[in-house]
Protein backbone atom coordinates (compact mmCIF):
# COMPACT_ATOMS: atom_id res chain seq x y z
CA MET A 1 7.49 10.35 -2.06
CA ILE A 2 5.09 7.72 -3.39
CA ALA A 3 3.47 5.02 -1.27
CA VAL A 4 1.92 1.81 -2.60
CA ASP A 5 -1.33 0.41 -1.23
CA THR A 6 -2.05 -3.27 -0.66
CA ASN A 7 -4.24 -3.75 -3.72
CA VAL A 8 -1.48 -2.68 -6.13
CA LEU A 9 0.97 -4.99 -4.33
CA VAL A 10 -1.41 -7.94 -4.57
CA TYR A 11 -2.05 -7.37 -8.28
CA ALA A 12 1.69 -7.09 -8.94
CA HIS A 13 2.38 -10.34 -7.10
CA ARG A 14 -0.47 -12.52 -8.38
CA ARG A 15 -0.07 -13.40 -12.06
CA GLU A 16 -3.61 -14.72 -12.47
CA MET A 17 -5.19 -11.36 -11.62
CA ASP A 18 -6.51 -9.23 -14.47
CA ALA A 19 -4.55 -6.16 -13.37
CA HIS A 20 -1.29 -8.07 -12.87
CA GLU A 21 0.61 -6.77 -15.89
CA LYS A 22 -0.02 -3.07 -15.20
CA ALA A 23 0.63 -3.45 -11.47
CA TYR A 24 3.82 -5.41 -12.13
CA GLU A 25 5.03 -2.72 -14.54
CA CYS A 26 4.22 -0.04 -11.97
CA LEU A 27 6.20 -1.75 -9.20
CA SER A 28 9.06 -2.54 -11.59
CA ALA A 29 9.28 1.12 -12.58
CA LEU A 30 9.30 2.23 -8.95
CA CYS A 31 12.02 -0.32 -8.10
CA ALA A 32 14.17 0.77 -11.04
CA GLY A 33 13.62 4.49 -10.52
CA GLN A 34 15.38 7.10 -8.45
CA GLN A 35 12.30 8.60 -6.75
CA ALA A 36 11.79 7.57 -3.15
CA TRP A 37 8.80 5.32 -2.59
CA GLY A 38 7.57 3.12 0.20
CA ILE A 39 5.15 0.59 1.53
CA PRO A 40 3.26 1.38 4.74
CA THR A 41 3.68 -1.30 7.42
CA ALA A 42 -0.11 -1.75 7.50
CA CYS A 43 -0.04 -2.60 3.78
CA ILE A 44 2.76 -5.13 4.21
CA SER A 45 0.72 -6.96 6.86
CA GLU A 46 -2.43 -6.81 4.76
CA PHE A 47 -0.52 -8.03 1.67
CA MET A 48 0.79 -11.03 3.63
CA ALA A 49 -2.69 -11.85 4.96
CA THR A 50 -4.28 -11.54 1.52
CA VAL A 51 -1.88 -13.48 -0.70
CA THR A 52 -1.43 -16.35 1.76
CA HIS A 53 -5.17 -16.75 2.36
CA ARG A 54 -6.45 -20.12 1.21
CA ARG A 55 -9.45 -18.51 -0.50
CA MET A 56 -7.15 -16.57 -2.82
CA ILE A 57 -7.95 -16.94 -6.50
CA GLY A 58 -5.89 -19.87 -7.70
CA THR A 59 -3.41 -21.26 -5.22
CA ALA A 60 -2.44 -19.07 -2.29
CA SER A 61 1.15 -17.94 -2.05
CA THR A 62 3.21 -19.57 0.64
CA VAL A 63 4.50 -17.40 3.46
CA ALA A 64 8.00 -17.87 2.06
CA GLN A 65 6.89 -16.67 -1.39
CA ALA A 66 5.14 -13.61 0.06
CA ILE A 67 8.17 -12.72 2.21
CA GLN A 68 10.46 -13.17 -0.77
CA GLN A 69 8.26 -10.81 -2.81
CA VAL A 70 8.24 -8.07 -0.17
CA ASN A 71 12.00 -8.45 0.29
CA ALA A 72 12.51 -8.10 -3.47
CA TRP A 73 10.54 -4.84 -3.57
CA LEU A 74 12.31 -3.46 -0.52
CA ALA A 75 15.73 -4.36 -1.96
CA ALA A 76 15.31 -1.49 -4.42
CA PRO A 77 17.58 1.40 -3.36
CA SER A 78 14.67 3.85 -3.60
CA ALA A 79 12.28 1.73 -1.47
CA ARG A 80 11.39 2.37 2.16
CA ILE A 81 9.21 0.80 4.81
CA LEU A 82 6.87 3.50 6.08
CA HIS A 83 6.20 3.28 9.82
CA ASP A 84 3.82 5.07 12.09
CA GLY A 85 5.67 7.45 14.39
CA GLU A 86 5.10 9.89 17.20
CA GLN A 87 2.59 11.95 15.20
CA HIS A 88 0.50 8.94 14.18
CA TRP A 89 -2.24 9.31 16.77
CA ARG A 90 -2.62 13.05 16.20
CA ILE A 91 -2.89 12.57 12.43
CA LEU A 92 -5.19 9.54 12.70
CA SER A 93 -7.55 11.28 15.11
CA GLU A 94 -7.70 14.38 12.89
CA LEU A 95 -8.52 12.21 9.88
CA ALA A 96 -11.18 10.37 11.88
CA VAL A 97 -12.94 13.58 12.89
CA THR A 98 -12.59 15.34 9.53
CA ALA A 99 -13.76 12.34 7.48
CA LYS A 100 -16.36 11.24 10.08
CA LEU A 101 -14.99 7.70 10.16
CA GLN A 102 -16.50 4.62 11.69
CA GLY A 103 -15.93 0.88 11.72
CA GLY A 104 -13.81 -0.61 8.96
CA GLN A 105 -12.88 2.82 7.60
CA PHE A 106 -10.13 3.06 10.21
CA HIS A 107 -7.81 0.68 8.37
CA ASP A 108 -7.60 3.04 5.39
CA ALA A 109 -7.23 5.95 7.82
CA ARG A 110 -4.28 4.18 9.43
CA VAL A 111 -2.62 3.80 6.03
CA ALA A 112 -3.37 7.44 5.21
CA ALA A 113 -1.93 8.60 8.55
CA ILE A 114 1.27 6.62 7.97
CA CYS A 115 1.57 8.17 4.52
CA ILE A 116 0.97 11.71 5.73
CA GLU A 117 3.43 11.32 8.61
CA ASN A 118 6.12 10.08 6.23
CA GLY A 119 5.71 12.92 3.74
CA VAL A 120 4.04 10.88 1.01
CA ASN A 121 2.88 13.05 -1.89
CA THR A 122 0.86 10.36 -3.67
CA LEU A 123 -0.59 7.00 -2.66
CA TYR A 124 -0.87 4.52 -5.52
CA SER A 125 -4.13 2.67 -4.92
CA THR A 126 -7.17 1.33 -6.73
CA ASP A 127 -9.28 2.02 -3.63
CA ARG A 128 -11.52 5.07 -4.06
CA ASP A 129 -12.19 5.18 -0.32
CA PHE A 130 -8.95 7.11 0.19
CA SER A 131 -10.60 10.11 -1.49
CA ARG A 132 -12.20 10.92 1.88
CA PHE A 133 -8.76 12.00 3.12
CA LYS A 134 -8.34 15.40 1.48
CA THR A 135 -4.73 15.81 2.68
CA LEU A 136 -3.56 12.75 0.72
CA THR A 137 -3.45 12.57 -3.06
CA THR A 138 -4.25 9.17 -4.57
CA PHE A 139 -3.51 7.86 -8.03
CA ASN A 140 -4.68 4.65 -9.66
CA PRO A 141 -1.69 3.45 -11.70
CA LEU A 142 -3.71 0.65 -13.28
CA VAL A 143 -5.97 2.81 -15.47
């Protein structure tokens, strides 16, 4: 299974961003494909907060536009919402100790824990910080 991080979602949604075309193609291919893929709940919340923020480059998306975008991605038959489950705390705490996390690093750890718990093989992200989690493979689909 593939998971998609917030940054790829934002680039795919916002046309004025330099990486828009590649991110849009990536999400379109996932939506049209047969392979299971998903968006962690933490990334959905972060996407909503980012694209509706008034300091967004250009004009911020409305809440309705952002919801419509997420709904469109999740309408793909191969798409899933990835939730944290009963193993979340165990996985998160192991990641925290192994990667020696502190402060703001816990958001990425939460995303990584959701991915690991849901059997994600690869997280599509432009964020190099995920490399600290050795049990999760990351791939930047925009390069």
